[in-house]
Amino acid sequence: MQKAILALQILILVIILSISIYLYNYVQIINAEIKVVMSVIEEIQVILPKLSATADIVSSLQYQFEEAFKTLSDLSLFFNGFLELFNQLQGSS
């Protein structure tokens, strides 16, 4: 009877040890994955200010292009009016 209890205790210890080793390995895998995720997050934190600055520059350029196209449109209207006036003067002569 004592041998059976001893064998059962050893079996339980082996099962607990196996589960402990499995959990330890699983926690190590999770830890490695967390380190990878943290490094990616750190890289993103480095890139975000650069992206923000780039977005500001693009926004500024967009505004400048809108102003330039507005100015070109105004110039086009001016020159068209000037050409019409010139053509009317040519036709009057």
PDB file of N, CA and C in Angstrom:
ATOM      1  N   MET A   1       0.825  -1.184   0.000  1.00  0.00           N
ATOM      2  CA  MET A   1       0.000   0.000   0.000  1.00  0.00           C
ATOM      3  C   MET A   1       0.874   1.255   0.000  1.00  0.00           C
ATOM      4  N   GLN A   2       1.957   1.226   0.798  1.00  0.00           N
ATOM      5  CA  GLN A   2       2.849   2.375   0.849  1.00  0.00           C
ATOM      6  C   GLN A   2       3.546   2.591  -0.488  1.00  0.00           C
ATOM      7  N   LYS A   3       3.854   1.469  -1.179  1.00  0.00           N
ATOM      8  CA  LYS A   3       4.492   1.591  -2.497  1.00  0.00           C
ATOM      9  C   LYS A   3       3.531   2.250  -3.489  1.00  0.00           C
ATOM     10  N   ALA A   4       2.260   1.922  -3.400  1.00  0.00           N
ATOM     11  CA  ALA A   4       1.264   2.512  -4.302  1.00  0.00           C
ATOM     12  C   ALA A   4       1.121   4.009  -4.025  1.00  0.00           C
ATOM     13  N   ILE A   5       1.106   4.381  -2.746  1.00  0.00           N
ATOM     14  CA  ILE A   5       0.997   5.800  -2.389  1.00  0.00           C
ATOM     15  C   ILE A   5       2.248   6.542  -2.846  1.00  0.00           C
ATOM     16  N   LEU A   6       3.426   5.927  -2.639  1.00  0.00           N
ATOM     17  CA  LEU A   6       4.677   6.534  -3.078  1.00  0.00           C
ATOM     18  C   LEU A   6       4.688   6.712  -4.595  1.00  0.00           C
ATOM     19  N   ALA A   7       4.260   5.708  -5.334  1.00  0.00           N
ATOM     20  CA  ALA A   7       4.207   5.794  -6.802  1.00  0.00           C
ATOM     21  C   ALA A   7       3.231   6.883  -7.231  1.00  0.00           C
ATOM     22  N   LEU A   8       2.085   6.976  -6.534  1.00  0.00           N
ATOM     23  CA  LEU A   8       1.093   8.004  -6.848  1.00  0.00           C
ATOM     24  C   LEU A   8       1.653   9.407  -6.562  1.00  0.00           C
ATOM     25  N   GLN A   9       2.388   9.548  -5.452  1.00  0.00           N
ATOM     26  CA  GLN A   9       3.002  10.838  -5.128  1.00  0.00           C
ATOM     27  C   GLN A   9       4.050  11.229  -6.168  1.00  0.00           C
ATOM     28  N   ILE A  10       4.841  10.266  -6.584  1.00  0.00           N
ATOM     29  CA  ILE A  10       5.856  10.527  -7.615  1.00  0.00           C
ATOM     30  C   ILE A  10       5.178  10.911  -8.932  1.00  0.00           C
ATOM     31  N   LEU A  11       4.106  10.207  -9.276  1.00  0.00           N
ATOM     32  CA  LEU A  11       3.359  10.508 -10.498  1.00  0.00           C
ATOM     33  C   LEU A  11       2.780  11.933 -10.432  1.00  0.00           C
ATOM     34  N   ILE A  12       2.217  12.291  -9.292  1.00  0.00           N
ATOM     35  CA  ILE A  12       1.673  13.639  -9.124  1.00  0.00           C
ATOM     36  C   ILE A  12       2.789  14.682  -9.230  1.00  0.00           C
ATOM     37  N   LEU A  13       3.938  14.414  -8.608  1.00  0.00           N
ATOM     38  CA  LEU A  13       5.068  15.344  -8.700  1.00  0.00           C
ATOM     39  C   LEU A  13       5.557  15.482 -10.142  1.00  0.00           C
ATOM     40  N   VAL A  14       5.610  14.375 -10.873  1.00  0.00           N
ATOM     41  CA  VAL A  14       6.036  14.419 -12.275  1.00  0.00           C
ATOM     42  C   VAL A  14       5.038  15.240 -13.096  1.00  0.00           C
ATOM     43  N   ILE A  15       3.757  15.042 -12.843  1.00  0.00           N
ATOM     44  CA  ILE A  15       2.726  15.807 -13.567  1.00  0.00           C
ATOM     45  C   ILE A  15       2.858  17.301 -13.242  1.00  0.00           C
ATOM     46  N   ILE A  16       3.013  17.630 -11.954  1.00  0.00           N
ATOM     47  CA  ILE A  16       3.163  19.036 -11.558  1.00  0.00           C
ATOM     48  C   ILE A  16       4.429  19.630 -12.172  1.00  0.00           C
ATOM     49  N   LEU A  17       5.524  18.864 -12.152  1.00  0.00           N
ATOM     50  CA  LEU A  17       6.773  19.333 -12.743  1.00  0.00           C
ATOM     51  C   LEU A  17       6.613  19.545 -14.247  1.00  0.00           C
ATOM     52  N   SER A  18       5.959  18.636 -14.927  1.00  0.00           N
ATOM     53  CA  SER A  18       5.739  18.769 -16.375  1.00  0.00           C
ATOM     54  C   SER A  18       4.896  20.000 -16.690  1.00  0.00           C
ATOM     55  N   ILE A  19       3.835  20.187 -15.914  1.00  0.00           N
ATOM     56  CA  ILE A  19       2.981  21.358 -16.125  1.00  0.00           C
ATOM     57  C   ILE A  19       3.776  22.636 -15.841  1.00  0.00           C
ATOM     58  N   SER A  20       4.598  22.624 -14.815  1.00  0.00           N
ATOM     59  CA  SER A  20       5.407  23.794 -14.471  1.00  0.00           C
ATOM     60  C   SER A  20       6.398  24.127 -15.583  1.00  0.00           C
ATOM     61  N   ILE A  21       7.042  23.101 -16.125  1.00  0.00           N
ATOM     62  CA  ILE A  21       7.993  23.323 -17.223  1.00  0.00           C
ATOM     63  C   ILE A  21       7.262  23.860 -18.448  1.00  0.00           C
ATOM     64  N   TYR A  22       6.098  23.299 -18.760  1.00  0.00           N
ATOM     65  CA  TYR A  22       5.310  23.772 -19.899  1.00  0.00           C
ATOM     66  C   TYR A  22       4.916  25.241 -19.709  1.00  0.00           C
ATOM     67  N   LEU A  23       4.416  25.570 -18.519  1.00  0.00           N
ATOM     68  CA  LEU A  23       4.017  26.949 -18.246  1.00  0.00           C
ATOM     69  C   LEU A  23       5.216  27.896 -18.293  1.00  0.00           C
ATOM     70  N   TYR A  24       6.354  27.468 -17.776  1.00  0.00           N
ATOM     71  CA  TYR A  24       7.552  28.295 -17.814  1.00  0.00           C
ATOM     72  C   TYR A  24       7.957  28.584 -19.267  1.00  0.00           C
ATOM     73  N   ASN A  25       7.967  27.545 -20.102  1.00  0.00           N
ATOM     74  CA  ASN A  25       8.308  27.722 -21.518  1.00  0.00           C
ATOM     75  C   ASN A  25       7.299  28.636 -22.214  1.00  0.00           C
ATOM     76  N   TYR A  26       6.018  28.477 -21.891  1.00  0.00           N
ATOM     77  CA  TYR A  26       4.981  29.293 -22.494  1.00  0.00           C
ATOM     78  C   TYR A  26       5.151  30.762 -22.082  1.00  0.00           C
ATOM     79  N   VAL A  27       5.477  30.975 -20.805  1.00  0.00           N
ATOM     80  CA  VAL A  27       5.707  32.335 -20.324  1.00  0.00           C
ATOM     81  C   VAL A  27       6.938  32.936 -21.002  1.00  0.00           C
ATOM     82  N   GLN A  28       7.957  32.147 -21.254  1.00  0.00           N
ATOM     83  CA  GLN A  28       9.151  32.638 -21.947  1.00  0.00           C
ATOM     84  C   GLN A  28       8.815  33.050 -23.380  1.00  0.00           C
ATOM     85  N   ILE A  29       7.976  32.259 -24.036  1.00  0.00           N
ATOM     86  CA  ILE A  29       7.557  32.602 -25.402  1.00  0.00           C
ATOM     87  C   ILE A  29       6.778  33.913 -25.392  1.00  0.00           C
ATOM     88  N   ILE A  30       5.858  34.034 -24.446  1.00  0.00           N
ATOM     89  CA  ILE A  30       5.071  35.261 -24.338  1.00  0.00           C
ATOM     90  C   ILE A  30       5.990  36.449 -24.031  1.00  0.00           C
ATOM     91  N   ASN A  31       6.962  36.247 -23.169  1.00  0.00           N
ATOM     92  CA  ASN A  31       7.912  37.306 -22.833  1.00  0.00           C
ATOM     93  C   ASN A  31       8.691  37.754 -24.071  1.00  0.00           C
ATOM     94  N   ALA A  32       9.123  36.803 -24.884  1.00  0.00           N
ATOM     95  CA  ALA A  32       9.856  37.141 -26.107  1.00  0.00           C
ATOM     96  C   ALA A  32       8.959  37.931 -27.061  1.00  0.00           C
ATOM     97  N   GLU A  33       7.704  37.529 -27.178  1.00  0.00           N
ATOM     98  CA  GLU A  33       6.777  38.244 -28.050  1.00  0.00           C
ATOM     99  C   GLU A  33       6.511  39.653 -27.526  1.00  0.00           C
ATOM    100  N   ILE A  34       6.416  39.801 -26.224  1.00  0.00           N
ATOM    101  CA  ILE A  34       6.207  41.125 -25.630  1.00  0.00           C
ATOM    102  C   ILE A  34       7.408  42.025 -25.907  1.00  0.00           C
ATOM    103  N   LYS A  35       8.612  41.469 -25.846  1.00  0.00           N
ATOM    104  CA  LYS A  35       9.806  42.263 -26.162  1.00  0.00           C
ATOM    105  C   LYS A  35       9.771  42.749 -27.607  1.00  0.00           C
ATOM    106  N   VAL A  36       9.328  41.875 -28.521  1.00  0.00           N
ATOM    107  CA  VAL A  36       9.226  42.270 -29.928  1.00  0.00           C
ATOM    108  C   VAL A  36       8.201  43.398 -30.080  1.00  0.00           C
ATOM    109  N   VAL A  37       7.055  43.233 -29.433  1.00  0.00           N
ATOM    110  CA  VAL A  37       6.009  44.256 -29.509  1.00  0.00           C
ATOM    111  C   VAL A  37       6.505  45.569 -28.923  1.00  0.00           C
ATOM    112  N   MET A  38       7.221  45.509 -27.810  1.00  0.00           N
ATOM    113  CA  MET A  38       7.737  46.732 -27.191  1.00  0.00           C
ATOM    114  C   MET A  38       8.758  47.424 -28.099  1.00  0.00           C
ATOM    115  N   SER A  39       9.590  46.655 -28.793  1.00  0.00           N
ATOM    116  CA  SER A  39      10.555  47.275 -29.704  1.00  0.00           C
ATOM    117  C   SER A  39       9.832  47.934 -30.873  1.00  0.00           C
ATOM    118  N   VAL A  40       8.765  47.312 -31.353  1.00  0.00           N
ATOM    119  CA  VAL A  40       7.982  47.923 -32.432  1.00  0.00           C
ATOM    120  C   VAL A  40       7.330  49.216 -31.944  1.00  0.00           C
ATOM    121  N   ILE A  41       6.807  49.193 -30.730  1.00  0.00           N
ATOM    122  CA  ILE A  41       6.188  50.392 -30.163  1.00  0.00           C
ATOM    123  C   ILE A  41       7.229  51.506 -30.019  1.00  0.00           C
ATOM    124  N   GLU A  42       8.433  51.168 -29.583  1.00  0.00           N
ATOM    125  CA  GLU A  42       9.488  52.171 -29.463  1.00  0.00           C
ATOM    126  C   GLU A  42       9.842  52.763 -30.825  1.00  0.00           C
ATOM    127  N   GLU A  43       9.892  51.914 -31.857  1.00  0.00           N
ATOM    128  CA  GLU A  43      10.178  52.408 -33.204  1.00  0.00           C
ATOM    129  C   GLU A  43       9.070  53.334 -33.684  1.00  0.00           C
ATOM    130  N   ILE A  44       7.839  52.980 -33.378  1.00  0.00           N
ATOM    131  CA  ILE A  44       6.711  53.826 -33.769  1.00  0.00           C
ATOM    132  C   ILE A  44       6.790  55.165 -33.050  1.00  0.00           C
ATOM    133  N   GLN A  45       7.176  55.140 -31.773  1.00  0.00           N
ATOM    134  CA  GLN A  45       7.302  56.393 -31.020  1.00  0.00           C
ATOM    135  C   GLN A  45       8.388  57.284 -31.609  1.00  0.00           C
ATOM    136  N   VAL A  46       9.414  56.691 -32.187  1.00  0.00           N
ATOM    137  CA  VAL A  46      10.464  57.479 -32.825  1.00  0.00           C
ATOM    138  C   VAL A  46       9.948  58.063 -34.148  1.00  0.00           C
ATOM    139  N   ILE A  47       9.147  57.296 -34.863  1.00  0.00           N
ATOM    140  CA  ILE A  47       8.678  57.708 -36.190  1.00  0.00           C
ATOM    141  C   ILE A  47       7.537  58.725 -36.106  1.00  0.00           C
ATOM    142  N   LEU A  48       6.697  58.646 -35.077  1.00  0.00           N
ATOM    143  CA  LEU A  48       5.515  59.509 -34.996  1.00  0.00           C
ATOM    144  C   LEU A  48       5.822  61.009 -35.088  1.00  0.00           C
ATOM    145  N   PRO A  49       6.815  61.519 -34.363  1.00  0.00           N
ATOM    146  CA  PRO A  49       7.096  62.962 -34.518  1.00  0.00           C
ATOM    147  C   PRO A  49       7.512  63.323 -35.946  1.00  0.00           C
ATOM    148  N   LYS A  50       8.259  62.431 -36.587  1.00  0.00           N
ATOM    149  CA  LYS A  50       8.665  62.688 -37.969  1.00  0.00           C
ATOM    150  C   LYS A  50       7.449  62.697 -38.881  1.00  0.00           C
ATOM    151  N   LEU A  51       6.521  61.771 -38.651  1.00  0.00           N
ATOM    152  CA  LEU A  51       5.301  61.738 -39.458  1.00  0.00           C
ATOM    153  C   LEU A  51       4.463  62.991 -39.223  1.00  0.00           C
ATOM    154  N   SER A  52       4.408  63.422 -37.996  1.00  0.00           N
ATOM    155  CA  SER A  52       3.656  64.639 -37.679  1.00  0.00           C
ATOM    156  C   SER A  52       4.269  65.846 -38.389  1.00  0.00           C
ATOM    157  N   ALA A  53       5.586  65.952 -38.348  1.00  0.00           N
ATOM    158  CA  ALA A  53       6.260  67.058 -39.033  1.00  0.00           C
ATOM    159  C   ALA A  53       6.022  66.977 -40.540  1.00  0.00           C
ATOM    160  N   THR A  54       6.067  65.779 -41.087  1.00  0.00           N
ATOM    161  CA  THR A  54       5.821  65.595 -42.513  1.00  0.00           C
ATOM    162  C   THR A  54       4.394  65.990 -42.867  1.00  0.00           C
ATOM    163  N   ALA A  55       3.444  65.617 -42.019  1.00  0.00           N
ATOM    164  CA  ALA A  55       2.047  65.984 -42.266  1.00  0.00           C
ATOM    165  C   ALA A  55       1.882  67.497 -42.231  1.00  0.00           C
ATOM    166  N   ASP A  56       2.565  68.168 -41.322  1.00  0.00           N
ATOM    167  CA  ASP A  56       2.502  69.628 -41.264  1.00  0.00           C
ATOM    168  C   ASP A  56       3.075  70.252 -42.534  1.00  0.00           C
ATOM    169  N   ILE A  57       4.191  69.707 -43.002  1.00  0.00           N
ATOM    170  CA  ILE A  57       4.815  70.227 -44.227  1.00  0.00           C
ATOM    171  C   ILE A  57       3.890  70.018 -45.426  1.00  0.00           C
ATOM    172  N   VAL A  58       3.289  68.835 -45.511  1.00  0.00           N
ATOM    173  CA  VAL A  58       2.373  68.552 -46.622  1.00  0.00           C
ATOM    174  C   VAL A  58       1.176  69.500 -46.574  1.00  0.00           C
ATOM    175  N   SER A  59       0.662  69.730 -45.389  1.00  0.00           N
ATOM    176  CA  SER A  59      -0.460  70.653 -45.240  1.00  0.00           C
ATOM    177  C   SER A  59      -0.057  72.057 -45.678  1.00  0.00           C
ATOM    178  N   SER A  60       1.130  72.485 -45.283  1.00  0.00           N
ATOM    179  CA  SER A  60       1.625  73.805 -45.680  1.00  0.00           C
ATOM    180  C   SER A  60       1.794  73.883 -47.193  1.00  0.00           C
ATOM    181  N   LEU A  61       2.355  72.831 -47.780  1.00  0.00           N
ATOM    182  CA  LEU A  61       2.529  72.812 -49.236  1.00  0.00           C
ATOM    183  C   LEU A  61       1.187  72.847 -49.948  1.00  0.00           C
ATOM    184  N   GLN A  62       0.224  72.113 -49.406  1.00  0.00           N
ATOM    185  CA  GLN A  62      -1.101  72.103 -50.010  1.00  0.00           C
ATOM    186  C   GLN A  62      -1.690  73.509 -49.999  1.00  0.00           C
ATOM    187  N   TYR A  63      -1.552  74.205 -48.887  1.00  0.00           N
ATOM    188  CA  TYR A  63      -2.044  75.587 -48.793  1.00  0.00           C
ATOM    189  C   TYR A  63      -1.319  76.485 -49.793  1.00  0.00           C
ATOM    190  N   GLN A  64       0.001  76.316 -49.896  1.00  0.00           N
ATOM    191  CA  GLN A  64       0.774  77.142 -50.818  1.00  0.00           C
ATOM    192  C   GLN A  64       0.377  76.877 -52.266  1.00  0.00           C
ATOM    193  N   PHE A  65       0.133  75.581 -52.607  1.00  0.00           N
ATOM    194  CA  PHE A  65      -0.294  75.259 -53.965  1.00  0.00           C
ATOM    195  C   PHE A  65      -1.683  75.827 -54.256  1.00  0.00           C
ATOM    196  N   GLU A  66      -2.561  75.773 -53.256  1.00  0.00           N
ATOM    197  CA  GLU A  66      -3.884  76.360 -53.453  1.00  0.00           C
ATOM    198  C   GLU A  66      -3.770  77.853 -53.714  1.00  0.00           C
ATOM    199  N   GLU A  67      -2.913  78.523 -52.955  1.00  0.00           N
ATOM    200  CA  GLU A  67      -2.711  79.959 -53.154  1.00  0.00           C
ATOM    201  C   GLU A  67      -2.082  80.231 -54.522  1.00  0.00           C
ATOM    202  N   ALA A  68      -1.124  79.387 -54.912  1.00  0.00           N
ATOM    203  CA  ALA A  68      -0.467  79.578 -56.210  1.00  0.00           C
ATOM    204  C   ALA A  68      -1.465  79.372 -57.347  1.00  0.00           C
ATOM    205  N   PHE A  69      -2.312  78.344 -57.256  1.00  0.00           N
ATOM    206  CA  PHE A  69      -3.293  78.103 -58.305  1.00  0.00           C
ATOM    207  C   PHE A  69      -4.339  79.215 -58.339  1.00  0.00           C
ATOM    208  N   LYS A  70      -4.673  79.752 -57.174  1.00  0.00           N
ATOM    209  CA  LYS A  70      -5.604  80.880 -57.132  1.00  0.00           C
ATOM    210  C   LYS A  70      -4.971  82.088 -57.823  1.00  0.00           C
ATOM    211  N   THR A  71      -3.698  82.316 -57.539  1.00  0.00           N
ATOM    212  CA  THR A  71      -2.988  83.422 -58.168  1.00  0.00           C
ATOM    213  C   THR A  71      -2.894  83.208 -59.672  1.00  0.00           C
ATOM    214  N   LEU A  72      -2.604  81.977 -60.090  1.00  0.00           N
ATOM    215  CA  LEU A  72      -2.537  81.685 -61.528  1.00  0.00           C
ATOM    216  C   LEU A  72      -3.891  81.891 -62.186  1.00  0.00           C
ATOM    217  N   SER A  73      -4.932  81.490 -61.494  1.00  0.00           N
ATOM    218  CA  SER A  73      -6.282  81.690 -62.029  1.00  0.00           C
ATOM    219  C   SER A  73      -6.573  83.182 -62.177  1.00  0.00           C
ATOM    220  N   ASP A  74      -6.201  83.962 -61.160  1.00  0.00           N
ATOM    221  CA  ASP A  74      -6.396  85.411 -61.232  1.00  0.00           C
ATOM    222  C   ASP A  74      -5.584  86.020 -62.373  1.00  0.00           C
ATOM    223  N   LEU A  75      -4.344  85.558 -62.536  1.00  0.00           N
ATOM    224  CA  LEU A  75      -3.507  86.051 -63.639  1.00  0.00           C
ATOM    225  C   LEU A  75      -4.112  85.682 -64.985  1.00  0.00           C
ATOM    226  N   SER A  76      -4.633  84.469 -65.066  1.00  0.00           N
ATOM    227  CA  SER A  76      -5.259  84.029 -66.311  1.00  0.00           C
ATOM    228  C   SER A  76      -6.451  84.913 -66.652  1.00  0.00           C
ATOM    229  N   LEU A  77      -7.278  85.221 -65.652  1.00  0.00           N
ATOM    230  CA  LEU A  77      -8.417  86.112 -65.884  1.00  0.00           C
ATOM    231  C   LEU A  77      -7.944  87.502 -66.310  1.00  0.00           C
ATOM    232  N   PHE A  78      -6.900  87.986 -65.682  1.00  0.00           N
ATOM    233  CA  PHE A  78      -6.356  89.305 -66.026  1.00  0.00           C
ATOM    234  C   PHE A  78      -5.866  89.340 -67.471  1.00  0.00           C
ATOM    235  N   PHE A  79      -5.065  88.325 -67.848  1.00  0.00           N
ATOM    236  CA  PHE A  79      -4.525  88.302 -69.206  1.00  0.00           C
ATOM    237  C   PHE A  79      -5.626  88.079 -70.239  1.00  0.00           C
ATOM    238  N   ASN A  80      -6.630  87.267 -69.903  1.00  0.00           N
ATOM    239  CA  ASN A  80      -7.748  87.091 -70.836  1.00  0.00           C
ATOM    240  C   ASN A  80      -8.480  88.418 -71.042  1.00  0.00           C
ATOM    241  N   GLY A  81      -8.696  89.130 -69.940  1.00  0.00           N
ATOM    242  CA  GLY A  81      -9.324  90.448 -70.064  1.00  0.00           C
ATOM    243  C   GLY A  81      -8.461  91.402 -70.865  1.00  0.00           C
ATOM    244  N   PHE A  82      -7.172  91.374 -70.623  1.00  0.00           N
ATOM    245  CA  PHE A  82      -6.245  92.231 -71.359  1.00  0.00           C
ATOM    246  C   PHE A  82      -6.269  91.887 -72.842  1.00  0.00           C
ATOM    247  N   LEU A  83      -6.267  90.573 -73.170  1.00  0.00           N
ATOM    248  CA  LEU A  83      -6.296  90.160 -74.573  1.00  0.00           C
ATOM    249  C   LEU A  83      -7.611  90.558 -75.241  1.00  0.00           C
ATOM    250  N   GLU A  84      -8.720  90.458 -74.516  1.00  0.00           N
ATOM    251  CA  GLU A  84      -9.991  90.880 -75.085  1.00  0.00           C
ATOM    252  C   GLU A  84      -9.978  92.380 -75.372  1.00  0.00           C
ATOM    253  N   LEU A  85      -9.438  93.143 -74.414  1.00  0.00           N
ATOM    254  CA  LEU A  85      -9.334  94.583 -74.617  1.00  0.00           C
ATOM    255  C   LEU A  85      -8.427  94.894 -75.801  1.00  0.00           C
ATOM    256  N   PHE A  86      -7.293  94.169 -75.906  1.00  0.00           N
ATOM    257  CA  PHE A  86      -6.370  94.371 -77.026  1.00  0.00           C
ATOM    258  C   PHE A  86      -7.032  94.010 -78.338  1.00  0.00           C
ATOM    259  N   ASN A  87      -7.793  92.902 -78.350  1.00  0.00           N
ATOM    260  CA  ASN A  87      -8.477  92.496 -79.565  1.00  0.00           C
ATOM    261  C   ASN A  87      -9.550  93.513 -79.958  1.00  0.00           C
ATOM    262  N   GLN A  88     -10.224  94.089 -78.986  1.00  0.00           N
ATOM    263  CA  GLN A  88     -11.230  95.107 -79.278  1.00  0.00           C
ATOM    264  C   GLN A  88     -10.557  96.357 -79.852  1.00  0.00           C
ATOM    265  N   LEU A  89      -9.392  96.696 -79.295  1.00  0.00           N
ATOM    266  CA  LEU A  89      -8.666  97.852 -79.822  1.00  0.00           C
ATOM    267  C   LEU A  89      -8.168  97.577 -81.247  1.00  0.00           C
ATOM    268  N   GLN A  90      -7.742  96.366 -81.525  1.00  0.00           N
ATOM    269  CA  GLN A  90      -7.283  95.968 -82.850  1.00  0.00           C
ATOM    270  C   GLN A  90      -8.456  96.028 -83.841  1.00  0.00           C
ATOM    271  N   GLY A  91      -9.623  95.594 -83.362  1.00  0.00           N
ATOM    272  CA  GLY A  91     -10.780  95.584 -84.238  1.00  0.00           C
ATOM    273  C   GLY A  91     -11.293  96.987 -84.523  1.00  0.00           C
ATOM    274  N   SER A  92     -11.104  97.924 -83.604  1.00  0.00           N
ATOM    275  CA  SER A  92     -11.552  99.301 -83.767  1.00  0.00           C
ATOM    276  C   SER A  92     -10.692 100.066 -84.773  1.00  0.00           C
ATOM    277  N   SER A  93      -9.444  99.661 -84.894  1.00  0.00           N
ATOM    278  CA  SER A  93      -8.519 100.408 -85.751  1.00  0.00           C
ATOM    279  C   SER A  93      -8.807 100.250 -87.194  1.00  0.00           C
TER     280      SER A  93
END
